[in-house]
Amino acid sequence: MKRAALFVIAGPVGIATYGLVRLWGRSDGVYGPGFDWQAAHLVALAGMVCFVPGVLALSHLLPRSAWRTGVVAGTLVGLVATMVQFGADIVEGLLADDRAEMSRLGASFKDIPGVEVAFYDVVPQLFFLGLLVLVGMLAARRRLPWWSVPVLLVGIVLPAVNLDLLPIGGLCMALALAPALPLLRQRGERAESPVAVR
């Protein structure tokens, strides 16, 4: 569980780093395909992967319930859809020779029935909605401070308004989740403590 604390922070840091690499890649007016595109999306994908154990660790700070299970399941479904989206972007960047071809490949993928809903417009949003609900549940149980909810909401909304705000959004998400780190470390220490021999 000590390692879980690292994953909880690594997810938001991945989002913030993705935003920074993206801004760097766009600074010369040519973003994708190429090293900058791949680097940004690989970092983003790594961040999403880190969110999986992070979400599970946060959920263990709550008592077991059908509601907790449903929220976590929805959050993970949204995460998987987001990973597929970034994975598709990486593959398109590898296959394309220029931006126009990459756009055509992306459009072809989205033209497959159900793809746009499943991996772009609807299902990925379950990750952000589920994470917000999970943090709200933790705040209601006083496992997180009340301000974690609005700070997380700001971190989610800012990139939706403008992708250039991804670094700030990721930092807001990290700030919102950071108060959970001591609790996760305590759980880890209890789990690792030796059982007394009788």
N, C-alpha and C. Protein backbone atom coordinates (compact mmCIF):
# COMPACT_ATOMS: atom_id res chain seq x y z
N MET A 1 0.82 -1.22 0.00
CA MET A 1 0.00 0.00 0.00
C MET A 1 0.86 1.27 0.00
N LYS A 2 2.12 1.16 0.47
CA LYS A 2 3.01 2.32 0.37
C LYS A 2 3.21 2.69 -1.09
N ARG A 3 3.35 1.66 -1.92
CA ARG A 3 3.54 1.91 -3.35
C ARG A 3 2.29 2.54 -3.94
N ALA A 4 1.13 2.23 -3.38
CA ALA A 4 -0.12 2.79 -3.89
C ALA A 4 -0.12 4.31 -3.78
N ALA A 5 0.50 4.83 -2.72
CA ALA A 5 0.58 6.29 -2.56
C ALA A 5 1.33 6.90 -3.74
N LEU A 6 2.36 6.22 -4.20
CA LEU A 6 3.11 6.71 -5.35
C LEU A 6 2.23 6.74 -6.60
N PHE A 7 1.43 5.70 -6.80
CA PHE A 7 0.56 5.65 -7.98
C PHE A 7 -0.50 6.75 -7.94
N VAL A 8 -1.01 7.05 -6.75
CA VAL A 8 -2.05 8.08 -6.62
C VAL A 8 -1.53 9.43 -7.12
N ILE A 9 -0.26 9.72 -6.86
CA ILE A 9 0.32 10.98 -7.30
C ILE A 9 0.85 10.87 -8.73
N ALA A 10 1.35 9.69 -9.11
CA ALA A 10 1.94 9.52 -10.44
C ALA A 10 0.91 9.74 -11.55
N GLY A 11 -0.35 9.38 -11.31
CA GLY A 11 -1.38 9.59 -12.32
C GLY A 11 -1.54 11.06 -12.69
N PRO A 12 -1.84 11.93 -11.70
CA PRO A 12 -1.94 13.36 -12.00
C PRO A 12 -0.65 13.97 -12.54
N VAL A 13 0.50 13.51 -12.02
CA VAL A 13 1.78 14.03 -12.53
C VAL A 13 1.94 13.65 -14.01
N GLY A 14 1.47 12.46 -14.38
CA GLY A 14 1.50 12.06 -15.79
C GLY A 14 0.68 12.99 -16.66
N ILE A 15 -0.48 13.40 -16.16
CA ILE A 15 -1.32 14.33 -16.91
C ILE A 15 -0.62 15.69 -17.05
N ALA A 16 -0.05 16.18 -15.95
CA ALA A 16 0.65 17.46 -15.99
C ALA A 16 1.85 17.41 -16.94
N THR A 17 2.59 16.30 -16.90
CA THR A 17 3.76 16.16 -17.77
C THR A 17 3.34 16.06 -19.23
N TYR A 18 2.26 15.35 -19.48
CA TYR A 18 1.70 15.27 -20.84
C TYR A 18 1.42 16.68 -21.37
N GLY A 19 0.80 17.49 -20.52
CA GLY A 19 0.50 18.86 -20.93
C GLY A 19 1.74 19.67 -21.23
N LEU A 20 2.79 19.49 -20.42
CA LEU A 20 4.03 20.24 -20.65
C LEU A 20 4.73 19.80 -21.93
N VAL A 21 4.79 18.47 -22.15
CA VAL A 21 5.43 17.98 -23.38
C VAL A 21 4.63 18.41 -24.59
N ARG A 22 3.32 18.40 -24.46
CA ARG A 22 2.45 18.85 -25.56
C ARG A 22 2.71 20.32 -25.90
N LEU A 23 2.83 21.16 -24.87
CA LEU A 23 3.11 22.58 -25.12
C LEU A 23 4.47 22.75 -25.79
N TRP A 24 5.45 21.97 -25.34
CA TRP A 24 6.77 22.02 -25.96
C TRP A 24 6.69 21.60 -27.43
N GLY A 25 5.94 20.54 -27.70
CA GLY A 25 5.81 20.06 -29.07
C GLY A 25 5.10 21.06 -29.98
N ARG A 26 4.17 21.81 -29.41
CA ARG A 26 3.42 22.79 -30.21
C ARG A 26 4.17 24.11 -30.38
N SER A 27 5.25 24.27 -29.64
CA SER A 27 5.95 25.56 -29.65
C SER A 27 6.56 25.91 -31.00
N ASP A 28 6.86 24.89 -31.83
CA ASP A 28 7.44 25.17 -33.15
C ASP A 28 6.38 25.17 -34.24
N GLY A 29 5.11 25.04 -33.84
CA GLY A 29 4.02 25.07 -34.80
C GLY A 29 3.78 23.74 -35.52
N VAL A 30 4.58 22.73 -35.21
CA VAL A 30 4.42 21.42 -35.85
C VAL A 30 4.36 20.37 -34.74
N TYR A 31 3.15 19.86 -34.47
CA TYR A 31 2.97 18.88 -33.40
C TYR A 31 2.35 17.62 -33.98
N GLY A 32 3.17 16.60 -34.16
CA GLY A 32 2.73 15.31 -34.66
C GLY A 32 2.67 15.24 -36.17
N PRO A 33 3.04 14.05 -36.68
CA PRO A 33 3.68 12.96 -35.94
C PRO A 33 5.15 13.26 -35.69
N GLY A 34 5.74 12.50 -34.79
CA GLY A 34 7.15 12.72 -34.48
C GLY A 34 7.44 12.46 -33.02
N PHE A 35 8.65 12.76 -32.61
CA PHE A 35 9.09 12.45 -31.25
C PHE A 35 8.23 13.15 -30.21
N ASP A 36 7.91 14.44 -30.43
CA ASP A 36 7.15 15.19 -29.44
C ASP A 36 5.75 14.58 -29.24
N TRP A 37 5.11 14.21 -30.33
CA TRP A 37 3.78 13.59 -30.26
C TRP A 37 3.85 12.27 -29.49
N GLN A 38 4.79 11.42 -29.84
CA GLN A 38 4.90 10.12 -29.19
C GLN A 38 5.26 10.27 -27.71
N ALA A 39 6.19 11.16 -27.41
CA ALA A 39 6.60 11.36 -26.02
C ALA A 39 5.42 11.82 -25.17
N ALA A 40 4.67 12.79 -25.68
CA ALA A 40 3.52 13.32 -24.93
C ALA A 40 2.50 12.22 -24.67
N HIS A 41 2.18 11.44 -25.70
CA HIS A 41 1.13 10.44 -25.55
C HIS A 41 1.59 9.23 -24.75
N LEU A 42 2.87 8.89 -24.81
CA LEU A 42 3.38 7.81 -23.97
C LEU A 42 3.34 8.20 -22.49
N VAL A 43 3.69 9.45 -22.20
CA VAL A 43 3.62 9.93 -20.82
C VAL A 43 2.17 9.92 -20.34
N ALA A 44 1.25 10.37 -21.19
CA ALA A 44 -0.16 10.38 -20.82
C ALA A 44 -0.66 8.96 -20.57
N LEU A 45 -0.28 8.03 -21.44
CA LEU A 45 -0.69 6.63 -21.27
C LEU A 45 -0.14 6.06 -19.97
N ALA A 46 1.11 6.37 -19.65
CA ALA A 46 1.69 5.91 -18.39
C ALA A 46 0.93 6.47 -17.20
N GLY A 47 0.52 7.73 -17.30
CA GLY A 47 -0.27 8.34 -16.23
C GLY A 47 -1.59 7.63 -16.03
N MET A 48 -2.26 7.29 -17.14
CA MET A 48 -3.53 6.58 -17.04
C MET A 48 -3.35 5.20 -16.41
N VAL A 49 -2.26 4.52 -16.77
CA VAL A 49 -1.98 3.20 -16.19
C VAL A 49 -1.78 3.33 -14.68
N CYS A 50 -1.08 4.38 -14.25
CA CYS A 50 -0.85 4.59 -12.82
C CYS A 50 -2.14 4.87 -12.07
N PHE A 51 -3.11 5.45 -12.75
CA PHE A 51 -4.39 5.74 -12.10
C PHE A 51 -5.13 4.47 -11.69
N VAL A 52 -4.88 3.35 -12.38
CA VAL A 52 -5.61 2.12 -12.06
C VAL A 52 -5.33 1.68 -10.62
N PRO A 53 -4.07 1.40 -10.23
CA PRO A 53 -3.83 1.06 -8.83
C PRO A 53 -4.12 2.22 -7.88
N GLY A 54 -3.98 3.46 -8.38
CA GLY A 54 -4.28 4.61 -7.54
C GLY A 54 -5.75 4.66 -7.16
N VAL A 55 -6.64 4.45 -8.11
CA VAL A 55 -8.08 4.45 -7.84
C VAL A 55 -8.44 3.30 -6.90
N LEU A 56 -7.86 2.12 -7.14
CA LEU A 56 -8.14 0.97 -6.27
C LEU A 56 -7.67 1.25 -4.83
N ALA A 57 -6.50 1.88 -4.70
CA ALA A 57 -6.00 2.20 -3.37
C ALA A 57 -6.90 3.19 -2.65
N LEU A 58 -7.34 4.22 -3.36
CA LEU A 58 -8.25 5.21 -2.76
C LEU A 58 -9.55 4.55 -2.33
N SER A 59 -10.04 3.63 -3.14
CA SER A 59 -11.31 2.97 -2.80
C SER A 59 -11.20 2.15 -1.53
N HIS A 60 -9.99 1.64 -1.23
CA HIS A 60 -9.80 0.83 -0.02
C HIS A 60 -9.83 1.67 1.26
N LEU A 61 -9.85 2.99 1.11
CA LEU A 61 -10.02 3.86 2.27
C LEU A 61 -11.48 3.99 2.66
N LEU A 62 -12.36 3.40 1.87
CA LEU A 62 -13.80 3.42 2.12
C LEU A 62 -14.27 2.02 2.52
N PRO A 63 -15.34 1.92 3.30
CA PRO A 63 -15.88 0.60 3.61
C PRO A 63 -16.46 -0.06 2.36
N ARG A 64 -16.46 -1.37 2.35
CA ARG A 64 -17.01 -2.08 1.21
C ARG A 64 -18.50 -1.82 1.08
N SER A 65 -18.94 -1.61 -0.14
CA SER A 65 -20.37 -1.41 -0.42
C SER A 65 -20.60 -1.57 -1.91
N ALA A 66 -21.84 -1.81 -2.27
CA ALA A 66 -22.17 -1.91 -3.69
C ALA A 66 -21.93 -0.59 -4.40
N TRP A 67 -22.17 0.51 -3.70
CA TRP A 67 -21.97 1.84 -4.27
C TRP A 67 -20.49 2.06 -4.59
N ARG A 68 -19.62 1.69 -3.64
CA ARG A 68 -18.17 1.83 -3.87
C ARG A 68 -17.75 0.98 -5.07
N THR A 69 -18.24 -0.25 -5.12
CA THR A 69 -17.88 -1.14 -6.22
C THR A 69 -18.32 -0.58 -7.56
N GLY A 70 -19.53 -0.02 -7.60
CA GLY A 70 -20.03 0.54 -8.85
C GLY A 70 -19.25 1.75 -9.32
N VAL A 71 -18.90 2.62 -8.37
CA VAL A 71 -18.12 3.81 -8.72
C VAL A 71 -16.74 3.42 -9.24
N VAL A 72 -16.10 2.48 -8.56
CA VAL A 72 -14.76 2.04 -8.98
C VAL A 72 -14.84 1.37 -10.35
N ALA A 73 -15.84 0.53 -10.57
CA ALA A 73 -15.99 -0.15 -11.86
C ALA A 73 -16.17 0.86 -12.99
N GLY A 74 -17.03 1.85 -12.78
CA GLY A 74 -17.24 2.87 -13.80
C GLY A 74 -15.98 3.68 -14.07
N THR A 75 -15.25 3.99 -13.00
CA THR A 75 -14.01 4.75 -13.15
C THR A 75 -12.99 3.96 -13.97
N LEU A 76 -12.88 2.67 -13.68
CA LEU A 76 -11.90 1.83 -14.40
C LEU A 76 -12.30 1.63 -15.86
N VAL A 77 -13.59 1.52 -16.12
CA VAL A 77 -14.05 1.41 -17.52
C VAL A 77 -13.66 2.67 -18.28
N GLY A 78 -13.87 3.83 -17.65
CA GLY A 78 -13.47 5.08 -18.28
C GLY A 78 -11.97 5.16 -18.51
N LEU A 79 -11.21 4.63 -17.56
CA LEU A 79 -9.75 4.61 -17.70
C LEU A 79 -9.30 3.76 -18.88
N VAL A 80 -9.90 2.57 -19.00
CA VAL A 80 -9.55 1.68 -20.11
C VAL A 80 -9.86 2.36 -21.44
N ALA A 81 -11.01 3.01 -21.52
CA ALA A 81 -11.37 3.70 -22.76
C ALA A 81 -10.37 4.81 -23.08
N THR A 82 -9.93 5.52 -22.05
CA THR A 82 -8.94 6.59 -22.25
C THR A 82 -7.61 6.01 -22.71
N MET A 83 -7.22 4.87 -22.16
CA MET A 83 -5.98 4.22 -22.59
C MET A 83 -6.05 3.81 -24.05
N VAL A 84 -7.20 3.30 -24.47
CA VAL A 84 -7.36 2.92 -25.88
C VAL A 84 -7.21 4.15 -26.77
N GLN A 85 -7.78 5.27 -26.32
CA GLN A 85 -7.69 6.52 -27.09
C GLN A 85 -6.23 6.95 -27.27
N PHE A 86 -5.47 6.95 -26.18
CA PHE A 86 -4.06 7.32 -26.28
C PHE A 86 -3.27 6.30 -27.08
N GLY A 87 -3.61 5.02 -26.92
CA GLY A 87 -2.94 3.99 -27.70
C GLY A 87 -3.17 4.17 -29.19
N ALA A 88 -4.41 4.53 -29.55
CA ALA A 88 -4.72 4.78 -30.97
C ALA A 88 -3.94 5.98 -31.49
N ASP A 89 -3.83 7.02 -30.67
CA ASP A 89 -3.06 8.20 -31.08
C ASP A 89 -1.59 7.85 -31.32
N ILE A 90 -1.05 6.97 -30.46
CA ILE A 90 0.35 6.56 -30.61
C ILE A 90 0.54 5.77 -31.90
N VAL A 91 -0.36 4.83 -32.17
CA VAL A 91 -0.27 4.02 -33.39
C VAL A 91 -0.41 4.89 -34.63
N GLU A 92 -1.36 5.81 -34.60
CA GLU A 92 -1.56 6.71 -35.75
C GLU A 92 -0.31 7.56 -35.98
N GLY A 93 0.33 7.99 -34.90
CA GLY A 93 1.55 8.78 -35.03
C GLY A 93 2.69 7.97 -35.63
N LEU A 94 2.72 6.67 -35.32
CA LEU A 94 3.76 5.82 -35.87
C LEU A 94 3.54 5.53 -37.35
N LEU A 95 2.29 5.39 -37.75
CA LEU A 95 1.97 5.01 -39.13
C LEU A 95 1.98 6.18 -40.10
N ALA A 96 1.74 7.39 -39.59
CA ALA A 96 1.58 8.55 -40.47
C ALA A 96 2.91 9.22 -40.79
N ASP A 97 2.99 9.76 -42.00
CA ASP A 97 4.17 10.51 -42.42
C ASP A 97 4.04 12.00 -42.13
N ASP A 98 2.81 12.47 -42.01
CA ASP A 98 2.59 13.89 -41.72
C ASP A 98 1.28 14.07 -40.96
N ARG A 99 1.01 15.30 -40.59
CA ARG A 99 -0.17 15.61 -39.79
C ARG A 99 -1.46 15.27 -40.54
N ALA A 100 -1.49 15.55 -41.83
CA ALA A 100 -2.70 15.29 -42.61
C ALA A 100 -3.01 13.80 -42.63
N GLU A 101 -1.98 12.98 -42.83
CA GLU A 101 -2.21 11.54 -42.86
C GLU A 101 -2.62 11.03 -41.48
N MET A 102 -2.04 11.59 -40.44
CA MET A 102 -2.42 11.20 -39.09
C MET A 102 -3.88 11.53 -38.82
N SER A 103 -4.34 12.67 -39.30
CA SER A 103 -5.74 13.05 -39.15
C SER A 103 -6.64 12.10 -39.91
N ARG A 104 -6.22 11.68 -41.09
CA ARG A 104 -7.03 10.73 -41.87
C ARG A 104 -7.12 9.38 -41.17
N LEU A 105 -6.01 8.94 -40.60
CA LEU A 105 -6.03 7.67 -39.86
C LEU A 105 -6.95 7.76 -38.64
N GLY A 106 -6.89 8.89 -37.95
CA GLY A 106 -7.76 9.09 -36.80
C GLY A 106 -9.22 9.10 -37.20
N ALA A 107 -9.52 9.77 -38.31
CA ALA A 107 -10.90 9.83 -38.79
C ALA A 107 -11.40 8.44 -39.19
N SER A 108 -10.52 7.64 -39.80
CA SER A 108 -10.90 6.28 -40.20
C SER A 108 -11.21 5.42 -38.98
N PHE A 109 -10.42 5.58 -37.93
CA PHE A 109 -10.67 4.83 -36.70
C PHE A 109 -12.00 5.26 -36.08
N LYS A 110 -12.25 6.56 -36.04
CA LYS A 110 -13.49 7.05 -35.44
C LYS A 110 -14.72 6.68 -36.27
N ASP A 111 -14.52 6.41 -37.56
CA ASP A 111 -15.64 6.04 -38.43
C ASP A 111 -16.15 4.63 -38.14
N ILE A 112 -15.36 3.82 -37.43
CA ILE A 112 -15.83 2.49 -37.05
C ILE A 112 -17.00 2.66 -36.08
N PRO A 113 -18.13 2.01 -36.35
CA PRO A 113 -19.31 2.19 -35.49
C PRO A 113 -19.01 1.95 -34.01
N GLY A 114 -19.39 2.91 -33.19
CA GLY A 114 -19.24 2.80 -31.75
C GLY A 114 -17.93 3.31 -31.20
N VAL A 115 -16.93 3.48 -32.05
CA VAL A 115 -15.60 3.87 -31.57
C VAL A 115 -15.62 5.27 -30.95
N GLU A 116 -16.25 6.20 -31.62
CA GLU A 116 -16.23 7.59 -31.12
C GLU A 116 -16.90 7.70 -29.76
N VAL A 117 -18.02 6.97 -29.60
CA VAL A 117 -18.72 6.99 -28.31
C VAL A 117 -17.91 6.26 -27.24
N ALA A 118 -17.36 5.10 -27.61
CA ALA A 118 -16.68 4.25 -26.63
C ALA A 118 -15.33 4.79 -26.18
N PHE A 119 -14.60 5.43 -27.09
CA PHE A 119 -13.22 5.79 -26.77
C PHE A 119 -12.92 7.29 -26.83
N TYR A 120 -13.92 8.11 -27.16
CA TYR A 120 -13.65 9.55 -27.26
C TYR A 120 -14.69 10.39 -26.54
N ASP A 121 -15.94 10.31 -26.94
CA ASP A 121 -16.93 11.29 -26.49
C ASP A 121 -17.60 10.97 -25.16
N VAL A 122 -17.88 9.70 -24.88
CA VAL A 122 -18.73 9.37 -23.73
C VAL A 122 -18.01 8.54 -22.67
N VAL A 123 -17.58 7.34 -23.01
CA VAL A 123 -17.07 6.41 -22.00
C VAL A 123 -15.84 6.95 -21.26
N PRO A 124 -14.88 7.60 -21.93
CA PRO A 124 -13.73 8.12 -21.17
C PRO A 124 -14.11 9.09 -20.05
N GLN A 125 -15.24 9.77 -20.23
CA GLN A 125 -15.67 10.73 -19.21
C GLN A 125 -16.05 10.04 -17.90
N LEU A 126 -16.32 8.72 -17.97
CA LEU A 126 -16.64 7.98 -16.75
C LEU A 126 -15.46 7.99 -15.78
N PHE A 127 -14.25 8.05 -16.33
CA PHE A 127 -13.07 8.12 -15.46
C PHE A 127 -13.11 9.37 -14.60
N PHE A 128 -13.29 10.51 -15.22
CA PHE A 128 -13.28 11.77 -14.49
C PHE A 128 -14.48 11.88 -13.55
N LEU A 129 -15.65 11.46 -14.03
CA LEU A 129 -16.85 11.49 -13.19
C LEU A 129 -16.69 10.55 -12.00
N GLY A 130 -16.20 9.34 -12.26
CA GLY A 130 -16.03 8.37 -11.19
C GLY A 130 -15.01 8.82 -10.17
N LEU A 131 -13.90 9.41 -10.63
CA LEU A 131 -12.88 9.90 -9.71
C LEU A 131 -13.44 11.01 -8.83
N LEU A 132 -14.24 11.89 -9.43
CA LEU A 132 -14.85 12.98 -8.67
C LEU A 132 -15.80 12.43 -7.61
N VAL A 133 -16.61 11.45 -7.98
CA VAL A 133 -17.54 10.85 -7.01
C VAL A 133 -16.77 10.14 -5.91
N LEU A 134 -15.71 9.42 -6.28
CA LEU A 134 -14.90 8.71 -5.30
C LEU A 134 -14.29 9.68 -4.29
N VAL A 135 -13.75 10.79 -4.77
CA VAL A 135 -13.18 11.80 -3.88
C VAL A 135 -14.27 12.42 -3.01
N GLY A 136 -15.47 12.61 -3.58
CA GLY A 136 -16.58 13.12 -2.79
C GLY A 136 -16.96 12.16 -1.67
N MET A 137 -16.94 10.87 -1.95
CA MET A 137 -17.22 9.86 -0.93
C MET A 137 -16.17 9.88 0.17
N LEU A 138 -14.91 10.04 -0.23
CA LEU A 138 -13.82 10.11 0.75
C LEU A 138 -13.94 11.37 1.61
N ALA A 139 -14.31 12.47 0.99
CA ALA A 139 -14.49 13.71 1.75
C ALA A 139 -15.66 13.59 2.72
N ALA A 140 -16.73 12.93 2.30
CA ALA A 140 -17.89 12.74 3.18
C ALA A 140 -17.52 11.91 4.40
N ARG A 141 -16.58 10.99 4.24
CA ARG A 141 -16.10 10.14 5.34
C ARG A 141 -14.92 10.78 6.08
N ARG A 142 -14.59 12.01 5.71
CA ARG A 142 -13.46 12.75 6.32
C ARG A 142 -12.13 12.05 6.11
N ARG A 143 -12.04 11.30 5.02
CA ARG A 143 -10.77 10.71 4.64
C ARG A 143 -9.97 11.68 3.77
N LEU A 144 -10.66 12.64 3.21
CA LEU A 144 -10.06 13.75 2.47
C LEU A 144 -10.72 15.04 2.94
N PRO A 145 -10.02 16.17 2.86
CA PRO A 145 -10.65 17.44 3.24
C PRO A 145 -11.72 17.84 2.23
N TRP A 146 -12.64 18.67 2.66
CA TRP A 146 -13.76 19.07 1.79
C TRP A 146 -13.27 19.74 0.52
N TRP A 147 -12.13 20.48 0.62
CA TRP A 147 -11.67 21.25 -0.53
C TRP A 147 -11.08 20.38 -1.64
N SER A 148 -10.84 19.09 -1.35
CA SER A 148 -10.33 18.21 -2.40
C SER A 148 -11.31 18.10 -3.57
N VAL A 149 -12.61 18.15 -3.25
CA VAL A 149 -13.63 18.00 -4.30
C VAL A 149 -13.61 19.17 -5.28
N PRO A 150 -13.71 20.43 -4.82
CA PRO A 150 -13.67 21.53 -5.79
C PRO A 150 -12.32 21.66 -6.51
N VAL A 151 -11.22 21.35 -5.82
CA VAL A 151 -9.91 21.44 -6.47
C VAL A 151 -9.81 20.39 -7.57
N LEU A 152 -10.29 19.17 -7.30
CA LEU A 152 -10.30 18.13 -8.33
C LEU A 152 -11.20 18.54 -9.50
N LEU A 153 -12.34 19.13 -9.19
CA LEU A 153 -13.26 19.56 -10.25
C LEU A 153 -12.58 20.60 -11.14
N VAL A 154 -11.86 21.54 -10.56
CA VAL A 154 -11.12 22.53 -11.34
C VAL A 154 -10.09 21.83 -12.22
N GLY A 155 -9.40 20.83 -11.66
CA GLY A 155 -8.41 20.10 -12.43
C GLY A 155 -8.99 19.34 -13.61
N ILE A 156 -10.24 18.92 -13.48
CA ILE A 156 -10.91 18.21 -14.56
C ILE A 156 -11.44 19.18 -15.62
N VAL A 157 -11.99 20.30 -15.16
CA VAL A 157 -12.66 21.23 -16.07
C VAL A 157 -11.67 22.05 -16.89
N LEU A 158 -10.56 22.47 -16.28
CA LEU A 158 -9.62 23.35 -17.00
C LEU A 158 -9.16 22.78 -18.34
N PRO A 159 -8.70 21.52 -18.42
CA PRO A 159 -8.28 20.99 -19.72
C PRO A 159 -9.44 20.85 -20.70
N ALA A 160 -10.66 20.67 -20.18
CA ALA A 160 -11.82 20.58 -21.07
C ALA A 160 -12.09 21.93 -21.73
N VAL A 161 -11.75 23.01 -21.02
CA VAL A 161 -11.91 24.36 -21.58
C VAL A 161 -10.82 24.64 -22.60
N ASN A 162 -9.58 24.27 -22.26
CA ASN A 162 -8.45 24.50 -23.14
C ASN A 162 -7.37 23.49 -22.81
N LEU A 163 -6.95 22.67 -23.79
CA LEU A 163 -5.95 21.64 -23.55
C LEU A 163 -4.61 22.21 -23.11
N ASP A 164 -4.36 23.47 -23.41
CA ASP A 164 -3.11 24.09 -22.96
C ASP A 164 -3.04 24.22 -21.44
N LEU A 165 -4.19 24.04 -20.77
CA LEU A 165 -4.24 24.12 -19.32
C LEU A 165 -4.03 22.76 -18.65
N LEU A 166 -3.66 21.76 -19.44
CA LEU A 166 -3.41 20.42 -18.89
C LEU A 166 -2.41 20.40 -17.74
N PRO A 167 -1.28 21.12 -17.82
CA PRO A 167 -0.35 21.10 -16.69
C PRO A 167 -0.97 21.59 -15.39
N ILE A 168 -1.75 22.66 -15.46
CA ILE A 168 -2.41 23.17 -14.26
C ILE A 168 -3.46 22.18 -13.79
N GLY A 169 -4.19 21.58 -14.73
CA GLY A 169 -5.20 20.59 -14.37
C GLY A 169 -4.59 19.41 -13.64
N GLY A 170 -3.48 18.91 -14.15
CA GLY A 170 -2.81 17.78 -13.50
C GLY A 170 -2.33 18.13 -12.10
N LEU A 171 -1.80 19.34 -11.94
CA LEU A 171 -1.33 19.77 -10.62
C LEU A 171 -2.49 19.92 -9.64
N CYS A 172 -3.63 20.39 -10.12
CA CYS A 172 -4.82 20.50 -9.27
C CYS A 172 -5.28 19.12 -8.82
N MET A 173 -5.24 18.14 -9.73
CA MET A 173 -5.62 16.78 -9.38
C MET A 173 -4.68 16.21 -8.32
N ALA A 174 -3.37 16.46 -8.49
CA ALA A 174 -2.39 15.99 -7.51
C ALA A 174 -2.64 16.63 -6.15
N LEU A 175 -2.92 17.93 -6.14
CA LEU A 175 -3.18 18.65 -4.89
C LEU A 175 -4.43 18.09 -4.20
N ALA A 176 -5.45 17.77 -4.99
CA ALA A 176 -6.69 17.25 -4.41
C ALA A 176 -6.49 15.89 -3.77
N LEU A 177 -5.63 15.06 -4.36
CA LEU A 177 -5.45 13.69 -3.88
C LEU A 177 -4.33 13.56 -2.84
N ALA A 178 -3.45 14.54 -2.76
CA ALA A 178 -2.29 14.46 -1.87
C ALA A 178 -2.64 14.20 -0.41
N PRO A 179 -3.74 14.77 0.14
CA PRO A 179 -4.03 14.49 1.56
C PRO A 179 -4.30 13.02 1.87
N ALA A 180 -4.54 12.21 0.85
CA ALA A 180 -4.78 10.78 1.08
C ALA A 180 -3.48 10.01 1.28
N LEU A 181 -2.34 10.60 0.94
CA LEU A 181 -1.07 9.88 0.99
C LEU A 181 -0.71 9.36 2.39
N PRO A 182 -0.83 10.17 3.46
CA PRO A 182 -0.52 9.64 4.79
C PRO A 182 -1.38 8.43 5.16
N LEU A 183 -2.67 8.47 4.79
CA LEU A 183 -3.55 7.34 5.11
C LEU A 183 -3.12 6.09 4.36
N LEU A 184 -2.72 6.25 3.11
CA LEU A 184 -2.28 5.11 2.32
C LEU A 184 -0.98 4.53 2.88
N ARG A 185 -0.09 5.40 3.34
CA ARG A 185 1.16 4.92 3.93
C ARG A 185 0.89 4.16 5.23
N GLN A 186 -0.04 4.68 6.03
CA GLN A 186 -0.38 4.00 7.28
C GLN A 186 -0.94 2.61 7.01
N ARG A 187 -1.80 2.51 6.00
CA ARG A 187 -2.35 1.20 5.64
C ARG A 187 -1.23 0.26 5.20
N GLY A 188 -0.28 0.80 4.47
CA GLY A 188 0.84 -0.01 4.01
C GLY A 188 1.69 -0.51 5.17
N GLU A 189 1.92 0.38 6.14
CA GLU A 189 2.72 -0.01 7.30
C GLU A 189 2.01 -1.09 8.12
N ARG A 190 0.70 -0.96 8.26
CA ARG A 190 -0.06 -1.97 9.02
C ARG A 190 -0.04 -3.31 8.28
N ALA A 191 -0.16 -3.24 6.96
CA ALA A 191 -0.18 -4.47 6.17
C ALA A 191 1.17 -5.19 6.19
N GLU A 192 2.25 -4.40 6.33
CA GLU A 192 3.59 -4.99 6.29
C GLU A 192 4.12 -5.37 7.68
N SER A 193 3.41 -4.95 8.74
CA SER A 193 3.89 -5.25 10.09
C SER A 193 3.82 -6.75 10.37
N PRO A 194 4.85 -7.31 11.00
CA PRO A 194 4.87 -8.77 11.25
C PRO A 194 3.81 -9.16 12.26
N VAL A 195 3.24 -10.33 12.07
CA VAL A 195 2.22 -10.86 12.99
C VAL A 195 2.93 -11.52 14.16
N ALA A 196 2.53 -11.18 15.32
CA ALA A 196 3.17 -11.72 16.53
C ALA A 196 2.99 -13.24 16.58
N VAL A 197 4.07 -13.97 16.92
CA VAL A 197 4.02 -15.41 17.02
C VAL A 197 3.51 -15.79 18.41
N ARG A 198 2.49 -16.67 18.45
CA ARG A 198 1.93 -17.09 19.73
C ARG A 198 2.36 -18.51 20.07
